[in-house]
N, C-alpha and C. Protein backbone atom coordinates (compact mmCIF):
# COMPACT_ATOMS: atom_id res chain seq x y z
N MET A 1 -32.88 87.34 46.88
CA MET A 1 -33.48 87.77 45.91
C MET A 1 -34.10 88.86 46.70
N ARG A 2 -35.47 88.28 47.54
CA ARG A 2 -35.75 88.74 48.23
C ARG A 2 -36.43 89.51 49.11
N VAL A 3 -35.21 89.17 49.04
CA VAL A 3 -34.62 90.49 50.48
C VAL A 3 -34.08 91.85 50.28
N ALA A 4 -33.56 91.68 48.34
CA ALA A 4 -33.43 92.69 48.13
C ALA A 4 -34.85 92.95 47.48
N ARG A 5 -35.63 92.78 47.25
CA ARG A 5 -37.25 93.39 46.72
C ARG A 5 -38.04 93.77 47.66
N ALA A 6 -37.56 93.01 49.35
CA ALA A 6 -38.31 93.56 50.30
C ALA A 6 -38.21 95.37 50.97
N VAL A 7 -36.49 95.31 50.35
CA VAL A 7 -35.26 96.63 50.42
C VAL A 7 -36.32 98.00 50.04
N LEU A 8 -35.95 97.57 48.53
CA LEU A 8 -37.14 98.31 47.18
C LEU A 8 -38.30 98.38 47.46
N THR A 9 -39.00 97.80 48.19
CA THR A 9 -40.40 97.82 48.25
C THR A 9 -40.54 98.88 49.52
N ALA A 10 -39.70 98.68 50.89
CA ALA A 10 -40.00 99.52 51.36
C ALA A 10 -38.87 100.94 50.97
N ALA A 11 -38.04 101.27 50.53
CA ALA A 11 -37.65 102.23 50.24
C ALA A 11 -38.71 103.15 49.71
N ALA A 12 -39.04 101.67 47.73
CA ALA A 12 -40.24 103.25 47.79
C ALA A 12 -41.50 103.58 48.38
N LEU A 13 -41.73 103.03 49.37
CA LEU A 13 -42.87 103.28 50.34
C LEU A 13 -42.92 104.36 51.08
N LEU A 14 -41.07 104.72 51.83
CA LEU A 14 -40.87 105.61 52.06
C LEU A 14 -40.43 107.12 50.97
N VAL A 15 -40.14 106.84 50.06
CA VAL A 15 -40.15 107.67 49.32
C VAL A 15 -41.55 108.66 48.60
N LEU A 16 -42.46 107.59 48.96
CA LEU A 16 -43.87 107.65 48.60
C LEU A 16 -44.49 108.63 49.70
N ALA A 17 -44.22 108.28 50.84
CA ALA A 17 -44.94 109.13 52.08
C ALA A 17 -44.07 110.02 52.29
N ALA A 18 -42.84 109.92 51.77
CA ALA A 18 -42.57 111.74 52.14
C ALA A 18 -42.98 112.56 51.68
N THR A 19 -42.86 112.30 50.09
CA THR A 19 -42.92 112.53 49.00
C THR A 19 -44.57 113.48 48.63
N GLY A 20 -45.64 113.21 49.57
CA GLY A 20 -47.10 112.79 49.56
C GLY A 20 -47.26 113.97 51.19
N CYS A 21 -46.60 114.17 51.57
CA CYS A 21 -46.68 115.14 52.57
C CYS A 21 -46.70 116.59 53.26
N GLY A 22 -45.62 117.27 52.05
CA GLY A 22 -45.11 118.41 52.69
C GLY A 22 -45.15 119.05 51.11
N GLY A 23 -46.03 118.54 49.99
CA GLY A 23 -46.41 119.25 48.62
C GLY A 23 -47.65 120.00 48.41
N GLY A 24 -48.07 120.84 49.82
CA GLY A 24 -49.30 121.31 49.89
C GLY A 24 -49.01 122.87 49.58
N GLY A 25 -48.31 123.94 49.67
CA GLY A 25 -47.93 124.77 50.26
C GLY A 25 -48.17 125.41 51.41
N PRO A 26 -48.23 126.38 51.85
CA PRO A 26 -48.46 126.98 52.66
C PRO A 26 -50.37 126.64 52.89
N LEU A 27 -49.96 126.63 54.52
CA LEU A 27 -51.83 126.66 55.01
C LEU A 27 -52.43 128.20 55.13
N TYR A 28 -52.26 129.06 54.91
CA TYR A 28 -52.63 130.59 54.87
C TYR A 28 -51.64 131.05 54.78
N ARG A 29 -52.62 132.33 54.19
CA ARG A 29 -51.46 133.98 53.39
C ARG A 29 -51.49 135.54 53.93
N TRP A 30 -50.06 135.66 54.65
CA TRP A 30 -49.61 135.70 55.42
C TRP A 30 -49.50 137.05 55.36
N GLY A 31 -49.43 137.16 54.38
CA GLY A 31 -49.59 138.74 53.15
C GLY A 31 -48.72 139.88 54.54
N HIS A 32 -49.22 141.08 54.46
CA HIS A 32 -48.56 142.34 55.36
C HIS A 32 -49.14 142.00 57.15
N TYR A 33 -49.91 140.84 57.59
CA TYR A 33 -50.01 140.69 58.50
C TYR A 33 -49.03 140.51 59.72
N GLU A 34 -47.08 140.30 59.07
CA GLU A 34 -46.29 140.00 59.65
C GLU A 34 -45.95 141.06 60.37
N GLY A 35 -45.38 141.58 59.48
CA GLY A 35 -45.09 143.16 59.77
C GLY A 35 -45.97 143.67 60.19
N VAL A 36 -46.81 144.10 60.20
CA VAL A 36 -47.77 144.84 60.93
C VAL A 36 -47.77 145.09 61.99
N LEU A 37 -47.92 143.34 62.32
CA LEU A 37 -48.42 143.42 63.89
C LEU A 37 -46.80 143.17 64.84
N TYR A 38 -46.11 143.19 63.92
CA TYR A 38 -44.31 143.85 64.60
C TYR A 38 -44.75 144.65 65.01
N ASP A 39 -45.36 145.55 63.93
CA ASP A 39 -44.74 147.52 64.01
C ASP A 39 -45.52 148.09 65.16
N THR A 40 -46.91 147.08 65.25
CA THR A 40 -48.19 147.44 65.88
C THR A 40 -47.39 147.76 67.21
N TYR A 41 -46.63 147.11 67.66
CA TYR A 41 -45.39 146.46 69.00
C TYR A 41 -44.17 146.66 69.51
N ALA A 42 -43.26 146.76 68.20
CA ALA A 42 -42.36 147.00 68.19
C ALA A 42 -41.51 148.50 68.16
N HIS A 43 -42.74 149.39 66.95
CA HIS A 43 -42.78 150.40 67.02
C HIS A 43 -43.72 151.78 66.84
N PRO A 44 -44.24 150.91 68.16
CA PRO A 44 -45.80 152.06 68.03
C PRO A 44 -45.82 152.83 66.97
N GLY A 45 -46.61 153.92 66.38
CA GLY A 45 -47.01 155.14 65.98
C GLY A 45 -46.58 155.11 64.34
N LYS A 46 -45.61 153.71 64.58
CA LYS A 46 -44.99 153.59 62.48
C LYS A 46 -45.87 153.66 61.43
N ALA A 47 -47.20 152.29 62.21
CA ALA A 47 -48.51 152.07 60.93
C ALA A 47 -49.52 152.01 62.11
N ASP A 48 -50.59 153.68 61.51
CA ASP A 48 -51.25 153.75 61.79
C ASP A 48 -52.65 153.36 61.68
N PRO A 49 -53.22 152.94 62.48
CA PRO A 49 -55.11 152.19 62.07
C PRO A 49 -55.19 152.51 60.73
N ALA A 50 -55.12 153.11 60.15
CA ALA A 50 -55.52 153.80 58.68
C ALA A 50 -54.93 152.48 57.82
N THR A 51 -53.64 153.30 58.13
CA THR A 51 -52.58 152.06 57.36
C THR A 51 -52.64 150.53 57.30
N GLN A 52 -53.12 150.71 58.71
CA GLN A 52 -53.10 148.75 59.10
C GLN A 52 -53.97 148.35 58.66
N ILE A 53 -55.55 148.97 58.60
CA ILE A 53 -56.30 148.80 57.55
C ILE A 53 -56.22 147.95 56.50
N ALA A 54 -55.84 149.64 55.49
CA ALA A 54 -55.51 148.94 54.40
C ALA A 54 -54.50 148.18 53.91
N ARG A 55 -53.67 147.99 54.55
CA ARG A 55 -52.30 146.78 53.82
C ARG A 55 -53.64 145.38 54.90
N LEU A 56 -54.11 145.60 55.44
CA LEU A 56 -53.99 144.34 56.27
C LEU A 56 -56.49 143.58 55.56
N SER A 57 -57.03 144.66 54.90
CA SER A 57 -58.25 144.44 54.06
C SER A 57 -57.54 143.59 52.88
N GLU A 58 -56.95 144.70 52.32
CA GLU A 58 -56.33 144.20 50.56
C GLU A 58 -55.73 142.56 51.02
N ASP A 59 -54.69 142.34 52.58
CA ASP A 59 -54.56 141.32 52.08
C ASP A 59 -55.66 139.95 52.44
N VAL A 60 -56.73 140.57 53.11
CA VAL A 60 -58.03 139.10 53.37
C VAL A 60 -58.71 139.14 52.03
N GLN A 61 -59.33 140.72 51.03
CA GLN A 61 -59.43 140.41 50.00
C GLN A 61 -59.11 139.62 48.68
N ARG A 62 -57.84 139.70 49.03
CA ARG A 62 -56.95 138.78 46.80
C ARG A 62 -56.82 137.26 47.92
N ALA A 63 -56.93 136.93 49.54
CA ALA A 63 -57.13 135.18 49.55
C ALA A 63 -57.94 135.16 48.99
N GLN A 64 -59.04 135.44 49.72
CA GLN A 64 -60.11 135.50 48.80
C GLN A 64 -60.61 135.14 47.13
N ALA A 65 -59.99 136.38 46.43
CA ALA A 65 -59.81 136.34 45.22
C ALA A 65 -59.45 134.63 44.65
N GLU A 66 -58.08 134.75 45.91
CA GLU A 66 -57.41 133.30 45.74
C GLU A 66 -57.78 132.36 46.03
N GLY A 67 -58.53 131.58 46.49
CA GLY A 67 -59.17 130.55 48.01
C GLY A 67 -57.91 130.11 48.62
N GLU A 68 -57.99 131.16 48.81
CA GLU A 68 -57.11 130.84 49.97
C GLU A 68 -57.25 131.02 51.66
N ARG A 69 -56.52 131.24 52.36
CA ARG A 69 -57.51 131.70 54.16
C ARG A 69 -55.69 132.38 54.39
N VAL A 70 -57.49 133.60 55.20
CA VAL A 70 -55.98 134.90 56.26
C VAL A 70 -55.73 133.74 57.34
N PRO A 71 -54.54 133.77 58.02
CA PRO A 71 -54.24 133.23 58.82
C PRO A 71 -55.30 133.86 60.07
N PRO A 72 -55.17 133.25 61.83
CA PRO A 72 -55.25 133.53 63.08
C PRO A 72 -55.40 134.50 63.02
N GLY A 73 -55.93 135.78 63.36
CA GLY A 73 -55.86 136.93 64.29
C GLY A 73 -55.91 137.99 63.48
N VAL A 74 -55.66 137.59 62.20
CA VAL A 74 -56.18 139.19 60.94
C VAL A 74 -57.06 139.89 61.36
N HIS A 75 -57.71 138.93 61.72
CA HIS A 75 -59.83 139.91 61.88
C HIS A 75 -59.92 140.29 62.89
N ALA A 76 -59.10 139.90 64.18
CA ALA A 76 -59.28 139.75 64.95
C ALA A 76 -58.39 141.75 65.29
N HIS A 77 -57.28 141.73 65.33
CA HIS A 77 -56.70 143.01 64.87
C HIS A 77 -57.30 143.75 63.86
N LEU A 78 -58.32 143.63 62.83
CA LEU A 78 -58.86 144.18 61.80
C LEU A 78 -59.94 144.57 62.62
N GLY A 79 -60.14 144.12 63.88
CA GLY A 79 -61.52 144.96 64.69
C GLY A 79 -60.94 145.92 65.57
N TYR A 80 -59.18 145.38 65.57
CA TYR A 80 -59.20 146.73 67.19
C TYR A 80 -58.48 147.65 66.34
N MET A 81 -58.52 147.27 65.70
CA MET A 81 -58.45 149.05 64.29
C MET A 81 -59.50 149.94 64.02
N TYR A 82 -60.05 148.90 63.93
CA TYR A 82 -61.14 149.48 63.28
C TYR A 82 -61.78 150.37 65.12
N TYR A 83 -61.47 149.00 65.76
CA TYR A 83 -62.01 150.36 67.26
C TYR A 83 -60.96 151.23 67.59
N LEU A 84 -59.45 151.36 67.01
CA LEU A 84 -58.65 152.36 67.78
C LEU A 84 -59.43 153.86 66.78
N GLN A 85 -60.34 153.77 65.78
CA GLN A 85 -60.64 154.54 64.68
C GLN A 85 -62.25 154.99 65.68
N GLY A 86 -62.54 154.55 66.52
CA GLY A 86 -64.32 155.04 66.54
C GLY A 86 -64.91 154.05 65.82
N ASN A 87 -64.98 153.42 65.48
CA ASN A 87 -65.81 151.94 63.95
C ASN A 87 -66.57 151.31 65.01
N ALA A 88 -67.30 150.95 66.02
CA ALA A 88 -67.41 150.13 66.80
C ALA A 88 -68.31 149.26 65.55
N GLU A 89 -68.82 149.45 64.94
CA GLU A 89 -69.72 148.54 63.71
C GLU A 89 -68.74 147.87 63.03
N ALA A 90 -67.79 147.79 63.14
CA ALA A 90 -66.69 147.93 61.53
C ALA A 90 -66.31 146.94 62.61
N ALA A 91 -65.43 147.09 63.57
CA ALA A 91 -64.83 146.41 64.31
C ALA A 91 -65.60 145.06 65.32
N ALA A 92 -66.65 145.25 65.67
CA ALA A 92 -67.44 143.67 65.59
C ALA A 92 -67.93 143.24 64.33
N ARG A 93 -67.31 143.36 63.24
CA ARG A 93 -68.11 142.72 62.67
C ARG A 93 -67.09 141.79 62.88
N GLU A 94 -65.77 142.45 62.25
CA GLU A 94 -64.66 141.52 61.77
C GLU A 94 -64.30 140.80 63.31
N LEU A 95 -64.70 140.87 64.12
CA LEU A 95 -64.51 140.26 65.78
C LEU A 95 -65.55 138.87 65.24
N GLN A 96 -66.81 139.31 64.99
CA GLN A 96 -67.83 138.38 64.11
C GLN A 96 -66.86 137.20 63.28
N THR A 97 -66.70 137.41 62.25
CA THR A 97 -65.82 137.17 61.42
C THR A 97 -64.70 136.02 61.57
N GLU A 98 -64.28 136.21 62.76
CA GLU A 98 -62.52 135.98 63.66
C GLU A 98 -63.20 134.84 64.39
N LYS A 99 -64.22 134.84 64.81
CA LYS A 99 -64.81 133.98 65.91
C LYS A 99 -64.90 132.33 64.85
N GLU A 100 -65.98 133.08 63.76
CA GLU A 100 -66.48 132.40 62.76
C GLU A 100 -65.60 131.35 62.30
N LEU A 101 -64.48 131.86 61.67
CA LEU A 101 -63.35 131.37 60.88
C LEU A 101 -62.72 130.42 62.14
N PHE A 102 -62.43 130.83 63.21
CA PHE A 102 -62.16 130.59 64.17
C PHE A 102 -62.69 130.07 65.36
N PRO A 103 -63.91 129.10 65.71
CA PRO A 103 -64.35 128.59 66.45
C PRO A 103 -63.84 128.40 67.99
N GLU A 104 -62.42 128.00 68.07
CA GLU A 104 -61.61 127.91 69.18
C GLU A 104 -61.50 129.48 69.21
N SER A 105 -61.59 130.55 69.04
CA SER A 105 -61.58 131.99 69.59
C SER A 105 -62.66 132.62 70.26
N ALA A 106 -63.48 131.94 70.14
CA ALA A 106 -64.80 132.32 70.14
C ALA A 106 -65.17 132.58 72.66
N VAL A 107 -64.84 131.68 73.31
CA VAL A 107 -64.46 132.07 74.25
C VAL A 107 -63.94 133.70 74.66
N PHE A 108 -62.68 134.24 73.87
CA PHE A 108 -61.94 135.34 73.58
C PHE A 108 -62.81 136.30 72.94
N ILE A 109 -62.94 136.06 71.36
CA ILE A 109 -64.05 136.85 71.23
C ILE A 109 -65.17 137.59 71.87
N ASP A 110 -65.71 136.35 72.30
CA ASP A 110 -67.13 136.64 72.63
C ASP A 110 -66.65 137.91 73.56
N ARG A 111 -65.96 137.72 74.86
CA ARG A 111 -65.40 138.72 76.39
C ARG A 111 -65.46 140.23 75.16
N LEU A 112 -64.40 140.23 74.14
CA LEU A 112 -64.54 141.80 73.53
C LEU A 112 -64.95 142.26 72.68
N LEU A 113 -65.93 141.42 72.08
CA LEU A 113 -67.84 141.50 71.69
C LEU A 113 -68.78 142.02 72.89
N ALA A 114 -68.58 141.51 74.07
CA ALA A 114 -69.32 142.01 75.30
C ALA A 114 -68.69 143.39 75.77
N ARG A 115 -67.36 143.86 75.45
CA ARG A 115 -66.69 144.49 75.47
C ARG A 115 -66.94 146.37 75.16
N LEU A 116 -67.59 145.56 74.13
CA LEU A 116 -67.52 145.88 72.76
C LEU A 116 -68.86 147.07 73.23
N ALA A 117 -69.64 146.37 73.67
CA ALA A 117 -70.99 147.13 73.43
C ALA A 117 -71.48 147.34 75.01
N ALA A 118 -71.15 147.04 75.97
CA ALA A 118 -70.73 147.36 77.21
C ALA A 118 -70.77 149.49 76.78
N PRO A 119 -71.60 149.83 77.61
CA PRO A 119 -70.75 151.36 77.90
C PRO A 119 -70.07 151.49 78.28
N ALA A 120 -69.44 152.67 78.39
CA ALA A 120 -67.46 153.92 78.71
C ALA A 120 -68.81 153.09 79.92
N ALA A 121 -67.79 153.21 80.98
CA ALA A 121 -67.95 153.87 82.19
C ALA A 121 -67.14 155.53 82.76
N PRO A 122 -68.13 155.62 83.28
CA PRO A 122 -67.49 157.54 83.56
C PRO A 122 -65.99 158.39 83.83
């Protein structure tokens, strides 16, 4: 009887532990990000900066409205797209947002911001 009770208790604890670990859903709202990023490098020119900005901005707004997080890199990519359009102010704003949301990117983002602020060489 004692062994059966111990086995049942152990089994119940394993079931509780297993079900308690995976029910949180996805960590980030990926939206169009993966597709946009793939197209940027696999099919250059397929998704111009304006299209990418529109898609990713929509993803960011939807995530904010639903209380979800965007994945690392979304704001940095948006910053790059704004840079390609010649909008340095919006690029810097998006890079700063990336740095605030993901502090581990600070060294990289600070270098990008420094290059963005530096005057272009002739």
